[in-house]
Amino acid sequence: QVQLVESGGGLVQPGGSLRLSCAASGSINRINTMAWYRQAPGKERELVADITSGGRTNYADSVKGRFTISRDGSKNMVYLQMSSLKPEDTAVYYCYAKQPLPYVMNYWGKGTLVTVSS
């Protein structure tokens, strides 16, 4: 089992920055990909960014150039640095981890709310 705990959400003005953190614990040696998803009110959950154990990253088009995902294996942490925030970035942000072996397991945190508003 893997436990994921997000932190760092809050209220920020448009154009501002925020950094989300996700602490992983448990059977973390089985994790390869970690990611951030978000879900806005009335919308489906969507991928924001992901990062493999080798450091390869992938971003949603809507956040490219504004968000950066990073991973600190020594601390079992994954981060999402968000800049130039827009009101449409308002959502609950979820940390995700994937265990591919011996069978696929998907783990989710409980989420942290980011509100972008003046």
C-alpha atoms as a PDB file:
ATOM      1  CA  GLN A   1       0.000   0.000   0.000  1.00  0.00           C
ATOM      2  CA  VAL A   2       1.014   3.576  -0.670  1.00  0.00           C
ATOM      3  CA  GLN A   3      -0.232   6.657   1.136  1.00  0.00           C
ATOM      4  CA  LEU A   4      -0.173  10.083  -0.485  1.00  0.00           C
ATOM      5  CA  VAL A   5      -0.680  13.358   1.362  1.00  0.00           C
ATOM      6  CA  GLU A   6      -0.919  16.671  -0.473  1.00  0.00           C
ATOM      7  CA  SER A   7      -0.229  20.107   0.944  1.00  0.00           C
ATOM      8  CA  GLY A   8       0.280  23.651  -0.252  1.00  0.00           C
ATOM      9  CA  GLY A   9      -3.111  24.568  -1.635  1.00  0.00           C
ATOM     10  CA  GLY A  10      -4.800  27.860  -0.904  1.00  0.00           C
ATOM     11  CA  LEU A  11      -6.076  31.137  -2.288  1.00  0.00           C
ATOM     12  CA  VAL A  12      -3.881  33.027  -4.735  1.00  0.00           C
ATOM     13  CA  GLN A  13      -4.455  36.009  -6.993  1.00  0.00           C
ATOM     14  CA  PRO A  14      -4.355  35.676 -10.777  1.00  0.00           C
ATOM     15  CA  GLY A  15      -0.784  35.818 -11.982  1.00  0.00           C
ATOM     16  CA  GLY A  16       0.503  34.478  -8.688  1.00  0.00           C
ATOM     17  CA  SER A  17       2.437  31.335  -7.826  1.00  0.00           C
ATOM     18  CA  LEU A  18       1.933  28.370  -5.570  1.00  0.00           C
ATOM     19  CA  ARG A  19       3.825  25.162  -4.883  1.00  0.00           C
ATOM     20  CA  LEU A  20       2.033  21.927  -4.104  1.00  0.00           C
ATOM     21  CA  SER A  21       3.761  19.084  -2.303  1.00  0.00           C
ATOM     22  CA  CYS A  22       2.913  15.409  -2.092  1.00  0.00           C
ATOM     23  CA  ALA A  23       4.468  13.122   0.504  1.00  0.00           C
ATOM     24  CA  ALA A  24       4.495   9.420  -0.311  1.00  0.00           C
ATOM     25  CA  SER A  25       4.848   6.661   2.255  1.00  0.00           C
ATOM     26  CA  GLY A  26       4.406   2.906   2.396  1.00  0.00           C
ATOM     27  CA  SER A  27       5.523   0.581  -0.383  1.00  0.00           C
ATOM     28  CA  ILE A  28       7.036   3.414  -2.389  1.00  0.00           C
ATOM     29  CA  ASN A  29       9.747   1.250  -3.938  1.00  0.00           C
ATOM     30  CA  ARG A  30       7.095  -0.196  -6.250  1.00  0.00           C
ATOM     31  CA  ILE A  31       6.035   3.195  -7.629  1.00  0.00           C
ATOM     32  CA  ASN A  32       7.182   4.352 -11.034  1.00  0.00           C
ATOM     33  CA  THR A  33       4.994   7.192 -12.313  1.00  0.00           C
ATOM     34  CA  MET A  34       3.717   9.967 -10.089  1.00  0.00           C
ATOM     35  CA  ALA A  35       1.415  12.711 -11.217  1.00  0.00           C
ATOM     36  CA  TRP A  36      -0.818  15.601 -10.383  1.00  0.00           C
ATOM     37  CA  TYR A  37      -4.442  15.628 -11.482  1.00  0.00           C
ATOM     38  CA  ARG A  38      -7.077  18.259 -10.904  1.00  0.00           C
ATOM     39  CA  GLN A  39     -10.830  18.446 -10.828  1.00  0.00           C
ATOM     40  CA  ALA A  40     -12.717  21.686 -11.180  1.00  0.00           C
ATOM     41  CA  PRO A  41     -16.345  22.031 -10.056  1.00  0.00           C
ATOM     42  CA  GLY A  42     -18.648  20.324 -12.530  1.00  0.00           C
ATOM     43  CA  LYS A  43     -15.794  18.929 -14.567  1.00  0.00           C
ATOM     44  CA  GLU A  44     -14.026  15.605 -14.884  1.00  0.00           C
ATOM     45  CA  ARG A  45     -10.683  14.924 -13.280  1.00  0.00           C
ATOM     46  CA  GLU A  46      -7.852  15.685 -15.679  1.00  0.00           C
ATOM     47  CA  LEU A  47      -4.136  15.063 -15.819  1.00  0.00           C
ATOM     48  CA  VAL A  48      -2.032  18.139 -15.087  1.00  0.00           C
ATOM     49  CA  ALA A  49       1.477  16.657 -15.219  1.00  0.00           C
ATOM     50  CA  ASP A  50       3.275  13.400 -14.609  1.00  0.00           C
ATOM     51  CA  ILE A  51       6.837  12.301 -13.998  1.00  0.00           C
ATOM     52  CA  THR A  52       8.452   8.887 -14.270  1.00  0.00           C
ATOM     53  CA  SER A  53      10.999   7.411 -11.907  1.00  0.00           C
ATOM     54  CA  GLY A  54      13.588   8.331 -14.547  1.00  0.00           C
ATOM     55  CA  GLY A  55      12.540  11.965 -14.489  1.00  0.00           C
ATOM     56  CA  ARG A  56      10.683  12.137 -17.798  1.00  0.00           C
ATOM     57  CA  THR A  57       7.837  14.646 -17.586  1.00  0.00           C
ATOM     58  CA  ASN A  58       4.605  15.248 -19.421  1.00  0.00           C
ATOM     59  CA  TYR A  59       2.247  18.213 -19.175  1.00  0.00           C
ATOM     60  CA  ALA A  60      -1.261  19.091 -20.178  1.00  0.00           C
ATOM     61  CA  ASP A  61      -1.274  21.713 -22.921  1.00  0.00           C
ATOM     62  CA  SER A  62      -3.153  24.109 -20.659  1.00  0.00           C
ATOM     63  CA  VAL A  63      -0.287  24.281 -18.150  1.00  0.00           C
ATOM     64  CA  LYS A  64       2.801  23.962 -20.354  1.00  0.00           C
ATOM     65  CA  GLY A  65       5.265  26.729 -19.649  1.00  0.00           C
ATOM     66  CA  ARG A  66       3.528  27.668 -16.401  1.00  0.00           C
ATOM     67  CA  PHE A  67       3.703  24.542 -14.224  1.00  0.00           C
ATOM     68  CA  THR A  68       6.686  22.378 -13.356  1.00  0.00           C
ATOM     69  CA  ILE A  69       6.529  18.917 -11.829  1.00  0.00           C
ATOM     70  CA  SER A  70       9.513  17.577  -9.931  1.00  0.00           C
ATOM     71  CA  ARG A  71      10.367  14.619  -7.784  1.00  0.00           C
ATOM     72  CA  ASP A  72      12.738  14.092  -4.888  1.00  0.00           C
ATOM     73  CA  GLY A  73      13.304  10.372  -4.512  1.00  0.00           C
ATOM     74  CA  SER A  74      15.390  10.758  -1.377  1.00  0.00           C
ATOM     75  CA  LYS A  75      12.498  12.460   0.393  1.00  0.00           C
ATOM     76  CA  ASN A  76       9.705  10.520  -1.321  1.00  0.00           C
ATOM     77  CA  MET A  77       8.183  13.782  -2.442  1.00  0.00           C
ATOM     78  CA  VAL A  78       6.684  15.116  -5.635  1.00  0.00           C
ATOM     79  CA  TYR A  79       6.053  18.803  -6.228  1.00  0.00           C
ATOM     80  CA  LEU A  80       4.042  20.973  -8.560  1.00  0.00           C
ATOM     81  CA  GLN A  81       5.324  24.507  -8.987  1.00  0.00           C
ATOM     82  CA  MET A  82       2.551  26.618 -10.444  1.00  0.00           C
ATOM     83  CA  SER A  83       3.157  30.073 -11.872  1.00  0.00           C
ATOM     84  CA  SER A  84       1.127  32.632 -13.811  1.00  0.00           C
ATOM     85  CA  LEU A  85      -1.981  31.150 -12.284  1.00  0.00           C
ATOM     86  CA  LYS A  86      -5.334  31.790 -13.920  1.00  0.00           C
ATOM     87  CA  PRO A  87      -8.875  31.580 -12.526  1.00  0.00           C
ATOM     88  CA  GLU A  88      -9.406  28.497 -14.682  1.00  0.00           C
ATOM     89  CA  ASP A  89      -6.680  26.721 -12.694  1.00  0.00           C
ATOM     90  CA  THR A  90      -9.050  26.688  -9.727  1.00  0.00           C
ATOM     91  CA  ALA A  91      -9.608  23.063  -8.763  1.00  0.00           C
ATOM     92  CA  VAL A  92      -8.904  20.360  -6.252  1.00  0.00           C
ATOM     93  CA  TYR A  93      -5.455  19.009  -7.044  1.00  0.00           C
ATOM     94  CA  TYR A  94      -4.781  15.332  -6.441  1.00  0.00           C
ATOM     95  CA  CYS A  95      -1.505  13.485  -6.135  1.00  0.00           C
ATOM     96  CA  TYR A  96      -1.355  10.150  -7.937  1.00  0.00           C
ATOM     97  CA  ALA A  97       1.069   7.244  -7.914  1.00  0.00           C
ATOM     98  CA  LYS A  98       1.189   4.153 -10.085  1.00  0.00           C
ATOM     99  CA  GLN A  99       2.529   0.761  -9.112  1.00  0.00           C
ATOM    100  CA  PRO A 100       2.983  -1.388 -12.231  1.00  0.00           C
ATOM    101  CA  LEU A 101       4.171  -4.605 -10.634  1.00  0.00           C
ATOM    102  CA  PRO A 102       3.336  -7.277  -9.615  1.00  0.00           C
ATOM    103  CA  TYR A 103      -0.031  -5.895 -10.744  1.00  0.00           C
ATOM    104  CA  VAL A 104      -1.207  -2.405 -11.540  1.00  0.00           C
ATOM    105  CA  MET A 105      -2.287  -0.380  -8.533  1.00  0.00           C
ATOM    106  CA  ASN A 106      -3.370   3.247  -8.637  1.00  0.00           C
ATOM    107  CA  TYR A 107      -3.062   5.391  -5.532  1.00  0.00           C
ATOM    108  CA  TRP A 108      -4.648   8.775  -4.855  1.00  0.00           C
ATOM    109  CA  GLY A 109      -4.285  11.422  -2.236  1.00  0.00           C
ATOM    110  CA  LYS A 110      -7.309  13.208  -0.785  1.00  0.00           C
ATOM    111  CA  GLY A 111      -6.594  16.408  -2.657  1.00  0.00           C
ATOM    112  CA  THR A 112      -5.795  20.021  -1.897  1.00  0.00           C
ATOM    113  CA  LEU A 113      -7.878  22.982  -3.031  1.00  0.00           C
ATOM    114  CA  VAL A 114      -6.335  25.709  -5.151  1.00  0.00           C
ATOM    115  CA  THR A 115      -8.428  28.822  -5.684  1.00  0.00           C
ATOM    116  CA  VAL A 116      -7.261  31.504  -8.083  1.00  0.00           C
ATOM    117  CA  SER A 117      -9.263  34.656  -7.524  1.00  0.00           C
ATOM    118  CA  SER A 118      -8.871  38.362  -6.958  1.00  0.00           C
END
